């Protein structure tokens, strides 16, 4: 299923995309750091469908008393089918602002992901889970192979083949970032040891604050968030994304926003290839 921007693609695979760390400056103006407005809900809509069946995804966000994201509820309504809610629970150690663990439940599938950091960047995660048919254990890890080029590698072991460590996916990639926004990306992807595809991406942004700028759970060099609805966590809002995929071909999407008095988007209208054409943001003061 194609989505608007890759940062809106949600999956239990939580490992996508990057940049060279030293190129990025995450410093924000004082008024942004003191901002008390937090995203509480995101609705993705396909307005070509009849009312009542036009919602594709419904996301809810919940916070603890330290204003840390503690839970995300994901409701997949694509095709008018009601499916079990996916729930992501973020657990922290003491007063840390980066989660030590994220627990995932969706029907009878579940997983516990443990994160290992270096300089606030995730360098490794370890997952223990049940995929609905069997137990598995996986490790995702990023390493630099040359300047501004990285390797992400996912290995897994199952109860069916204990002790047999398989490489499921690996990606060689490069990123270009400016002011906390990803401008360009190249990904060469292997699946089960076989070359699969190459993806190149280019993005443009507005000058307004993204609702998701706070969620900086980053894989070192790979730049992904473990939070659904935004794998590309940027400081500003994406106005356009164009990409070329060696298998799926070319695609381009644009979005026009309406903003609230705080400068956050409340509505986005999408043109281009997508399974939805509108999204709505709701906020809460904390």
C-alpha atoms as a PDB file:
ATOM      1  CA  UNK A   1       0.000   0.000   0.000  1.00  0.00           C
ATOM      2  CA  UNK A   2       1.520   3.308  -1.068  1.00  0.00           C
ATOM      3  CA  UNK A   3       1.246   6.179   1.370  1.00  0.00           C
ATOM      4  CA  UNK A   4       1.764   9.912   1.095  1.00  0.00           C
ATOM      5  CA  UNK A   5       5.227  10.308   2.516  1.00  0.00           C
ATOM      6  CA  UNK A   6       7.441   7.543   3.798  1.00  0.00           C
ATOM      7  CA  UNK A   7       7.306   9.165   7.224  1.00  0.00           C
ATOM      8  CA  UNK A   8       3.614   8.259   7.280  1.00  0.00           C
ATOM      9  CA  UNK A   9       4.289   4.586   6.520  1.00  0.00           C
ATOM     10  CA  UNK A  10       3.612   2.532   9.630  1.00  0.00           C
ATOM     11  CA  UNK A  11       4.851  -0.992  10.185  1.00  0.00           C
ATOM     12  CA  UNK A  12       6.215  -3.140  12.927  1.00  0.00           C
ATOM     13  CA  UNK A  13       9.527  -2.926  11.106  1.00  0.00           C
ATOM     14  CA  UNK A  14      10.783   0.214  12.803  1.00  0.00           C
ATOM     15  CA  UNK A  15      14.040   0.691  10.941  1.00  0.00           C
ATOM     16  CA  UNK A  16      14.210   3.280   8.136  1.00  0.00           C
ATOM     17  CA  UNK A  17      16.431   6.146   7.061  1.00  0.00           C
ATOM     18  CA  UNK A  18      19.361   8.314   8.024  1.00  0.00           C
ATOM     19  CA  UNK A  19      21.909  11.102   7.940  1.00  0.00           C
ATOM     20  CA  UNK A  20      25.468  11.791   8.905  1.00  0.00           C
ATOM     21  CA  UNK A  21      25.213  12.889  12.535  1.00  0.00           C
ATOM     22  CA  UNK A  22      27.633  15.793  12.403  1.00  0.00           C
ATOM     23  CA  UNK A  23      25.581  17.479   9.660  1.00  0.00           C
ATOM     24  CA  UNK A  24      22.537  17.937  11.864  1.00  0.00           C
ATOM     25  CA  UNK A  25      21.762  20.714  14.305  1.00  0.00           C
ATOM     26  CA  UNK A  26      18.737  19.994  16.489  1.00  0.00           C
ATOM     27  CA  UNK A  27      18.888  23.274  18.435  1.00  0.00           C
ATOM     28  CA  UNK A  28      15.542  25.045  18.539  1.00  0.00           C
ATOM     29  CA  UNK A  29      14.565  28.618  19.414  1.00  0.00           C
ATOM     30  CA  UNK A  30      13.537  29.143  23.047  1.00  0.00           C
ATOM     31  CA  UNK A  31       9.869  29.551  22.122  1.00  0.00           C
ATOM     32  CA  UNK A  32       9.907  26.137  20.407  1.00  0.00           C
ATOM     33  CA  UNK A  33      11.548  24.387  23.369  1.00  0.00           C
ATOM     34  CA  UNK A  34       8.955  25.925  25.699  1.00  0.00           C
ATOM     35  CA  UNK A  35       6.040  24.969  23.437  1.00  0.00           C
ATOM     36  CA  UNK A  36       3.262  23.287  25.446  1.00  0.00           C
ATOM     37  CA  UNK A  37       1.218  22.057  22.464  1.00  0.00           C
ATOM     38  CA  UNK A  38       1.465  18.302  21.778  1.00  0.00           C
ATOM     39  CA  UNK A  39      -0.118  16.254  19.005  1.00  0.00           C
ATOM     40  CA  UNK A  40      -2.919  14.061  20.372  1.00  0.00           C
ATOM     41  CA  UNK A  41      -4.495  12.575  17.243  1.00  0.00           C
ATOM     42  CA  UNK A  42      -3.859  12.176  13.519  1.00  0.00           C
ATOM     43  CA  UNK A  43      -6.513  11.071  11.019  1.00  0.00           C
ATOM     44  CA  UNK A  44      -5.607   9.962   7.500  1.00  0.00           C
ATOM     45  CA  UNK A  45      -8.590  10.194   5.121  1.00  0.00           C
ATOM     46  CA  UNK A  46      -9.558   9.117   1.639  1.00  0.00           C
ATOM     47  CA  UNK A  47     -12.331  11.591   0.826  1.00  0.00           C
ATOM     48  CA  UNK A  48     -13.230   9.745  -2.394  1.00  0.00           C
ATOM     49  CA  UNK A  49     -14.894   7.113  -0.181  1.00  0.00           C
ATOM     50  CA  UNK A  50     -18.412   7.493   1.308  1.00  0.00           C
ATOM     51  CA  UNK A  51     -18.649   9.260   4.689  1.00  0.00           C
ATOM     52  CA  UNK A  52     -18.156   6.775   7.474  1.00  0.00           C
ATOM     53  CA  UNK A  53     -15.707   4.679   5.459  1.00  0.00           C
ATOM     54  CA  UNK A  54     -13.283   7.433   4.448  1.00  0.00           C
ATOM     55  CA  UNK A  55     -10.870   7.068   7.390  1.00  0.00           C
ATOM     56  CA  UNK A  56      -7.740   5.086   6.467  1.00  0.00           C
ATOM     57  CA  UNK A  57      -5.813   5.381   9.746  1.00  0.00           C
ATOM     58  CA  UNK A  58      -6.601   6.829  13.164  1.00  0.00           C
ATOM     59  CA  UNK A  59      -3.687   7.481  15.554  1.00  0.00           C
ATOM     60  CA  UNK A  60      -3.944   8.548  19.211  1.00  0.00           C
ATOM     61  CA  UNK A  61      -0.999   9.791  21.332  1.00  0.00           C
ATOM     62  CA  UNK A  62      -0.778   9.718  25.131  1.00  0.00           C
ATOM     63  CA  UNK A  63       1.785  11.293  27.500  1.00  0.00           C
ATOM     64  CA  UNK A  64       3.073  10.829  31.029  1.00  0.00           C
ATOM     65  CA  UNK A  65       3.381  13.494  33.752  1.00  0.00           C
ATOM     66  CA  UNK A  66       6.838  14.411  32.413  1.00  0.00           C
ATOM     67  CA  UNK A  67       5.317  15.142  28.977  1.00  0.00           C
ATOM     68  CA  UNK A  68       7.026  12.105  27.501  1.00  0.00           C
ATOM     69  CA  UNK A  69       5.229  10.096  24.867  1.00  0.00           C
ATOM     70  CA  UNK A  70       4.081   6.943  26.684  1.00  0.00           C
ATOM     71  CA  UNK A  71       1.643   5.246  24.297  1.00  0.00           C
ATOM     72  CA  UNK A  72       0.414   5.294  20.694  1.00  0.00           C
ATOM     73  CA  UNK A  73      -2.786   3.633  19.585  1.00  0.00           C
ATOM     74  CA  UNK A  74      -2.963   2.822  15.870  1.00  0.00           C
ATOM     75  CA  UNK A  75      -6.287   1.954  14.241  1.00  0.00           C
ATOM     76  CA  UNK A  76      -6.072   0.620  10.676  1.00  0.00           C
ATOM     77  CA  UNK A  77      -9.403   1.175   8.892  1.00  0.00           C
ATOM     78  CA  UNK A  78      -8.145   0.780   5.321  1.00  0.00           C
ATOM     79  CA  UNK A  79     -10.855  -0.541   3.006  1.00  0.00           C
ATOM     80  CA  UNK A  80     -13.550   0.035   5.607  1.00  0.00           C
ATOM     81  CA  UNK A  81     -12.362  -2.999   7.560  1.00  0.00           C
ATOM     82  CA  UNK A  82     -12.043  -2.683  11.340  1.00  0.00           C
ATOM     83  CA  UNK A  83      -8.921  -4.493  12.538  1.00  0.00           C
ATOM     84  CA  UNK A  84      -7.458  -4.996  16.019  1.00  0.00           C
ATOM     85  CA  UNK A  85      -5.808  -1.859  17.380  1.00  0.00           C
ATOM     86  CA  UNK A  86      -2.029  -1.807  17.427  1.00  0.00           C
ATOM     87  CA  UNK A  87      -0.686  -0.402  20.708  1.00  0.00           C
ATOM     88  CA  UNK A  88       2.857   0.871  21.240  1.00  0.00           C
ATOM     89  CA  UNK A  89       3.900   1.480  24.867  1.00  0.00           C
ATOM     90  CA  UNK A  90       7.100   3.439  25.525  1.00  0.00           C
ATOM     91  CA  UNK A  91       9.008   2.701  28.743  1.00  0.00           C
ATOM     92  CA  UNK A  92      11.734   4.936  30.170  1.00  0.00           C
ATOM     93  CA  UNK A  93      14.507   4.485  32.698  1.00  0.00           C
ATOM     94  CA  UNK A  94      14.215   7.045  35.508  1.00  0.00           C
ATOM     95  CA  UNK A  95      14.065  10.582  34.138  1.00  0.00           C
ATOM     96  CA  UNK A  96      15.496   9.669  30.730  1.00  0.00           C
ATOM     97  CA  UNK A  97      13.746  11.258  27.775  1.00  0.00           C
ATOM     98  CA  UNK A  98      14.669   8.473  25.338  1.00  0.00           C
ATOM     99  CA  UNK A  99      12.787   5.183  25.770  1.00  0.00           C
ATOM    100  CA  UNK A 100      14.677   2.124  26.918  1.00  0.00           C
ATOM    101  CA  UNK A 101      11.977  -0.186  25.582  1.00  0.00           C
ATOM    102  CA  UNK A 102       8.909  -0.136  23.360  1.00  0.00           C
ATOM    103  CA  UNK A 103       6.256  -2.852  23.740  1.00  0.00           C
ATOM    104  CA  UNK A 104       3.983  -3.639  20.795  1.00  0.00           C
ATOM    105  CA  UNK A 105       0.660  -5.542  20.802  1.00  0.00           C
ATOM    106  CA  UNK A 106      -1.632  -6.145  17.820  1.00  0.00           C
ATOM    107  CA  UNK A 107      -4.129  -8.960  18.200  1.00  0.00           C
ATOM    108  CA  UNK A 108      -2.153 -12.047  19.184  1.00  0.00           C
ATOM    109  CA  UNK A 109       1.107 -10.611  17.827  1.00  0.00           C
ATOM    110  CA  UNK A 110       3.391  -8.852  20.274  1.00  0.00           C
ATOM    111  CA  UNK A 111       6.986  -7.675  20.612  1.00  0.00           C
ATOM    112  CA  UNK A 112       9.352  -6.057  23.120  1.00  0.00           C
ATOM    113  CA  UNK A 113      12.066  -3.843  21.617  1.00  0.00           C
ATOM    114  CA  UNK A 114      15.125  -2.808  23.668  1.00  0.00           C
ATOM    115  CA  UNK A 115      17.215   0.185  22.572  1.00  0.00           C
ATOM    116  CA  UNK A 116      20.946   0.830  22.991  1.00  0.00           C
ATOM    117  CA  UNK A 117      22.264   4.376  22.603  1.00  0.00           C
ATOM    118  CA  UNK A 118      25.477   6.239  21.867  1.00  0.00           C
ATOM    119  CA  UNK A 119      25.350  10.048  22.085  1.00  0.00           C
ATOM    120  CA  UNK A 120      21.516   9.864  22.055  1.00  0.00           C
ATOM    121  CA  UNK A 121      21.514   7.858  18.837  1.00  0.00           C
ATOM    122  CA  UNK A 122      20.266   4.284  18.670  1.00  0.00           C
ATOM    123  CA  UNK A 123      23.139   2.063  17.585  1.00  0.00           C
ATOM    124  CA  UNK A 124      21.353  -1.241  18.147  1.00  0.00           C
ATOM    125  CA  UNK A 125      17.991  -2.649  19.066  1.00  0.00           C
ATOM    126  CA  UNK A 126      17.030  -6.118  20.182  1.00  0.00           C
ATOM    127  CA  UNK A 127      13.507  -7.478  19.703  1.00  0.00           C
ATOM    128  CA  UNK A 128      11.790 -10.475  21.275  1.00  0.00           C
ATOM    129  CA  UNK A 129       8.355 -11.193  19.861  1.00  0.00           C
ATOM    130  CA  UNK A 130       5.590 -13.436  18.578  1.00  0.00           C
ATOM    131  CA  UNK A 131       4.402 -12.843  14.997  1.00  0.00           C
ATOM    132  CA  UNK A 132       1.115 -14.711  15.283  1.00  0.00           C
ATOM    133  CA  UNK A 133       2.564 -18.105  14.376  1.00  0.00           C
ATOM    134  CA  UNK A 134       5.857 -18.399  16.243  1.00  0.00           C
ATOM    135  CA  UNK A 135       8.392 -16.730  18.509  1.00  0.00           C
ATOM    136  CA  UNK A 136      11.347 -14.810  17.116  1.00  0.00           C
ATOM    137  CA  UNK A 137      14.344 -12.814  18.271  1.00  0.00           C
ATOM    138  CA  UNK A 138      15.919 -10.147  16.067  1.00  0.00           C
ATOM    139  CA  UNK A 139      18.694  -7.573  16.197  1.00  0.00           C
ATOM    140  CA  UNK A 140      18.933  -4.413  14.094  1.00  0.00           C
ATOM    141  CA  UNK A 141      22.261  -2.624  13.933  1.00  0.00           C
ATOM    142  CA  UNK A 142      23.768   0.278  11.995  1.00  0.00           C
ATOM    143  CA  UNK A 143      27.449   0.733  11.137  1.00  0.00           C
ATOM    144  CA  UNK A 144      29.320   3.294   9.052  1.00  0.00           C
ATOM    145  CA  UNK A 145      31.155   1.809   6.059  1.00  0.00           C
ATOM    146  CA  UNK A 146      32.644   5.024   4.613  1.00  0.00           C
ATOM    147  CA  UNK A 147      32.016   8.774   4.989  1.00  0.00           C
ATOM    148  CA  UNK A 148      28.262   9.465   4.813  1.00  0.00           C
ATOM    149  CA  UNK A 149      27.500   5.860   3.840  1.00  0.00           C
ATOM    150  CA  UNK A 150      26.042   3.345   6.273  1.00  0.00           C
ATOM    151  CA  UNK A 151      24.940  -0.262   6.515  1.00  0.00           C
ATOM    152  CA  UNK A 152      21.790  -1.302   8.354  1.00  0.00           C
ATOM    153  CA  UNK A 153      21.450  -5.046   9.003  1.00  0.00           C
ATOM    154  CA  UNK A 154      18.596  -7.035  10.526  1.00  0.00           C
ATOM    155  CA  UNK A 155      19.213 -10.587  11.744  1.00  0.00           C
ATOM    156  CA  UNK A 156      16.680 -12.975  13.246  1.00  0.00           C
ATOM    157  CA  UNK A 157      16.341 -16.349  14.971  1.00  0.00           C
ATOM    158  CA  UNK A 158      13.112 -18.347  15.398  1.00  0.00           C
ATOM    159  CA  UNK A 159      11.988 -21.218  17.607  1.00  0.00           C
ATOM    160  CA  UNK A 160      11.658 -23.340  14.477  1.00  0.00           C
ATOM    161  CA  UNK A 161      15.407 -22.998  13.827  1.00  0.00           C
ATOM    162  CA  UNK A 162      17.036 -22.238  17.196  1.00  0.00           C
ATOM    163  CA  UNK A 163      20.647 -21.164  16.885  1.00  0.00           C
ATOM    164  CA  UNK A 164      20.295 -20.416  13.157  1.00  0.00           C
ATOM    165  CA  UNK A 165      20.858 -16.657  12.760  1.00  0.00           C
ATOM    166  CA  UNK A 166      19.499 -15.411   9.445  1.00  0.00           C
ATOM    167  CA  UNK A 167      20.093 -12.064   7.787  1.00  0.00           C
ATOM    168  CA  UNK A 168      16.600 -10.910   6.834  1.00  0.00           C
ATOM    169  CA  UNK A 169      17.274  -7.466   5.417  1.00  0.00           C
ATOM    170  CA  UNK A 170      20.174  -5.121   4.879  1.00  0.00           C
ATOM    171  CA  UNK A 171      20.443  -1.652   3.383  1.00  0.00           C
ATOM    172  CA  UNK A 172      23.389   0.434   2.226  1.00  0.00           C
ATOM    173  CA  UNK A 173      22.350   4.062   2.336  1.00  0.00           C
ATOM    174  CA  UNK A 174      23.323   7.720   2.328  1.00  0.00           C
ATOM    175  CA  UNK A 175      21.482  10.834   3.499  1.00  0.00           C
ATOM    176  CA  UNK A 176      21.618  14.595   3.099  1.00  0.00           C
ATOM    177  CA  UNK A 177      20.177  16.707   5.943  1.00  0.00           C
ATOM    178  CA  UNK A 178      19.794  20.419   6.589  1.00  0.00           C
ATOM    179  CA  UNK A 179      18.366  22.063   9.730  1.00  0.00           C
ATOM    180  CA  UNK A 180      16.816  18.826  10.897  1.00  0.00           C
ATOM    181  CA  UNK A 181      15.115  18.006   7.585  1.00  0.00           C
ATOM    182  CA  UNK A 182      16.059  15.181   5.227  1.00  0.00           C
ATOM    183  CA  UNK A 183      16.607  16.648   1.764  1.00  0.00           C
ATOM    184  CA  UNK A 184      17.749  13.585  -0.168  1.00  0.00           C
ATOM    185  CA  UNK A 185      18.288   9.859   0.372  1.00  0.00           C
ATOM    186  CA  UNK A 186      19.619   6.807  -1.446  1.00  0.00           C
ATOM    187  CA  UNK A 187      18.847   3.229  -0.308  1.00  0.00           C
ATOM    188  CA  UNK A 188      20.120   0.003  -1.837  1.00  0.00           C
ATOM    189  CA  UNK A 189      18.157  -2.863  -0.287  1.00  0.00           C
ATOM    190  CA  UNK A 190      18.882  -6.587   0.058  1.00  0.00           C
ATOM    191  CA  UNK A 191      16.276  -9.098   1.267  1.00  0.00           C
ATOM    192  CA  UNK A 192      17.384 -12.500   2.541  1.00  0.00           C
ATOM    193  CA  UNK A 193      20.804 -11.937   1.000  1.00  0.00           C
ATOM    194  CA  UNK A 194      19.444 -11.095  -2.460  1.00  0.00           C
ATOM    195  CA  UNK A 195      19.577  -7.634  -4.020  1.00  0.00           C
ATOM    196  CA  UNK A 196      16.012  -6.280  -4.123  1.00  0.00           C
ATOM    197  CA  UNK A 197      15.823  -2.615  -5.116  1.00  0.00           C
ATOM    198  CA  UNK A 198      17.212   0.894  -4.963  1.00  0.00           C
ATOM    199  CA  UNK A 199      15.242   3.939  -3.820  1.00  0.00           C
ATOM    200  CA  UNK A 200      16.160   7.614  -4.235  1.00  0.00           C
ATOM    201  CA  UNK A 201      14.145  10.316  -2.485  1.00  0.00           C
ATOM    202  CA  UNK A 202      14.009  14.116  -2.483  1.00  0.00           C
ATOM    203  CA  UNK A 203      11.938  16.283  -0.107  1.00  0.00           C
ATOM    204  CA  UNK A 204      10.958  19.916   0.330  1.00  0.00           C
ATOM    205  CA  UNK A 205       9.613  21.535   3.526  1.00  0.00           C
ATOM    206  CA  UNK A 206       7.707  24.519   4.813  1.00  0.00           C
ATOM    207  CA  UNK A 207       9.012  26.884   7.510  1.00  0.00           C
ATOM    208  CA  UNK A 208       6.469  25.823  10.164  1.00  0.00           C
ATOM    209  CA  UNK A 209       6.941  23.449  13.100  1.00  0.00           C
ATOM    210  CA  UNK A 210       6.204  19.790  12.543  1.00  0.00           C
ATOM    211  CA  UNK A 211       3.886  18.201  15.157  1.00  0.00           C
ATOM    212  CA  UNK A 212       6.530  15.475  15.541  1.00  0.00           C
ATOM    213  CA  UNK A 213       9.724  17.465  16.067  1.00  0.00           C
ATOM    214  CA  UNK A 214      10.080  16.212  19.653  1.00  0.00           C
ATOM    215  CA  UNK A 215      10.305  12.517  18.842  1.00  0.00           C
ATOM    216  CA  UNK A 216      14.000  12.088  18.271  1.00  0.00           C
ATOM    217  CA  UNK A 217      14.515   8.354  18.603  1.00  0.00           C
ATOM    218  CA  UNK A 218      17.191   8.001  15.982  1.00  0.00           C
ATOM    219  CA  UNK A 219      19.111   5.045  14.656  1.00  0.00           C
ATOM    220  CA  UNK A 220      22.719   6.169  14.261  1.00  0.00           C
ATOM    221  CA  UNK A 221      23.164   7.201  10.654  1.00  0.00           C
ATOM    222  CA  UNK A 222      19.862   5.625   9.694  1.00  0.00           C
ATOM    223  CA  UNK A 223      17.410   8.183  11.009  1.00  0.00           C
ATOM    224  CA  UNK A 224      14.184   6.469  11.861  1.00  0.00           C
ATOM    225  CA  UNK A 225      11.589   6.956  14.516  1.00  0.00           C
ATOM    226  CA  UNK A 226      10.033   3.990  16.299  1.00  0.00           C
ATOM    227  CA  UNK A 227       6.790   5.962  16.543  1.00  0.00           C
ATOM    228  CA  UNK A 228       4.008   5.167  14.039  1.00  0.00           C
ATOM    229  CA  UNK A 229       2.959   7.799  11.469  1.00  0.00           C
ATOM    230  CA  UNK A 230       6.358   9.407  11.251  1.00  0.00           C
ATOM    231  CA  UNK A 231       9.443   7.489  10.241  1.00  0.00           C
ATOM    232  CA  UNK A 232      10.968  10.679   8.869  1.00  0.00           C
ATOM    233  CA  UNK A 233      10.864  12.920  11.910  1.00  0.00           C
ATOM    234  CA  UNK A 234      11.628  16.398  10.616  1.00  0.00           C
ATOM    235  CA  UNK A 235      11.672  19.835  12.198  1.00  0.00           C
ATOM    236  CA  UNK A 236       9.364  21.220   9.515  1.00  0.00           C
ATOM    237  CA  UNK A 237       6.442  19.843   7.528  1.00  0.00           C
ATOM    238  CA  UNK A 238       6.995  18.058   4.225  1.00  0.00           C
ATOM    239  CA  UNK A 239       5.583  19.973   1.261  1.00  0.00           C
ATOM    240  CA  UNK A 240       6.626  17.471  -1.385  1.00  0.00           C
ATOM    241  CA  UNK A 241       8.347  14.145  -1.744  1.00  0.00           C
ATOM    242  CA  UNK A 242       9.494  12.622  -5.004  1.00  0.00           C
ATOM    243  CA  UNK A 243      11.095   9.236  -5.285  1.00  0.00           C
ATOM    244  CA  UNK A 244      12.344   6.778  -7.867  1.00  0.00           C
ATOM    245  CA  UNK A 245      12.142   3.078  -7.071  1.00  0.00           C
ATOM    246  CA  UNK A 246      13.780   0.484  -9.274  1.00  0.00           C
ATOM    247  CA  UNK A 247      10.768  -1.841  -8.901  1.00  0.00           C
ATOM    248  CA  UNK A 248       7.752   0.402  -8.298  1.00  0.00           C
ATOM    249  CA  UNK A 249       8.803   3.265 -10.567  1.00  0.00           C
ATOM    250  CA  UNK A 250       8.464   7.000  -9.918  1.00  0.00           C
ATOM    251  CA  UNK A 251       6.128   8.831  -7.575  1.00  0.00           C
ATOM    252  CA  UNK A 252       5.553  12.376  -6.429  1.00  0.00           C
ATOM    253  CA  UNK A 253       3.267  13.796  -3.756  1.00  0.00           C
ATOM    254  CA  UNK A 254       2.528  17.343  -2.618  1.00  0.00           C
ATOM    255  CA  UNK A 255       0.625  18.670   0.368  1.00  0.00           C
ATOM    256  CA  UNK A 256      -0.944  22.021   1.213  1.00  0.00           C
ATOM    257  CA  UNK A 257      -1.487  22.829   4.894  1.00  0.00           C
ATOM    258  CA  UNK A 258      -3.781  24.923   7.020  1.00  0.00           C
ATOM    259  CA  UNK A 259      -2.189  26.040  10.312  1.00  0.00           C
ATOM    260  CA  UNK A 260      -3.403  27.028  13.753  1.00  0.00           C
ATOM    261  CA  UNK A 261      -2.365  30.164  15.647  1.00  0.00           C
ATOM    262  CA  UNK A 262       0.634  28.291  17.083  1.00  0.00           C
ATOM    263  CA  UNK A 263       1.996  27.556  13.610  1.00  0.00           C
ATOM    264  CA  UNK A 264       1.192  23.842  13.658  1.00  0.00           C
ATOM    265  CA  UNK A 265      -0.702  22.187  10.791  1.00  0.00           C
ATOM    266  CA  UNK A 266      -4.309  21.245  11.487  1.00  0.00           C
ATOM    267  CA  UNK A 267      -5.193  20.069   7.989  1.00  0.00           C
ATOM    268  CA  UNK A 268      -3.272  18.776   4.987  1.00  0.00           C
ATOM    269  CA  UNK A 269      -4.576  18.207   1.464  1.00  0.00           C
ATOM    270  CA  UNK A 270      -2.586  15.775  -0.637  1.00  0.00           C
ATOM    271  CA  UNK A 271      -2.123  15.448  -4.385  1.00  0.00           C
ATOM    272  CA  UNK A 272      -0.193  12.708  -6.139  1.00  0.00           C
ATOM    273  CA  UNK A 273       0.083   8.965  -5.587  1.00  0.00           C
ATOM    274  CA  UNK A 274      -1.378   8.028  -2.233  1.00  0.00           C
ATOM    275  CA  UNK A 275      -3.978   5.842  -0.544  1.00  0.00           C
ATOM    276  CA  UNK A 276      -5.319   8.923   1.220  1.00  0.00           C
ATOM    277  CA  UNK A 277      -5.734  12.541   0.213  1.00  0.00           C
ATOM    278  CA  UNK A 278      -6.280  14.384   3.481  1.00  0.00           C
ATOM    279  CA  UNK A 279      -4.985  14.325   7.019  1.00  0.00           C
ATOM    280  CA  UNK A 280      -6.189  16.067  10.151  1.00  0.00           C
ATOM    281  CA  UNK A 281      -4.171  16.911  13.289  1.00  0.00           C
ATOM    282  CA  UNK A 282      -5.524  17.430  16.802  1.00  0.00           C
ATOM    283  CA  UNK A 283      -3.526  18.805  19.749  1.00  0.00           C
ATOM    284  CA  UNK A 284      -3.562  19.035  23.530  1.00  0.00           C
ATOM    285  CA  UNK A 285      -1.862  21.495  25.917  1.00  0.00           C
ATOM    286  CA  UNK A 286       0.405  19.845  28.494  1.00  0.00           C
END
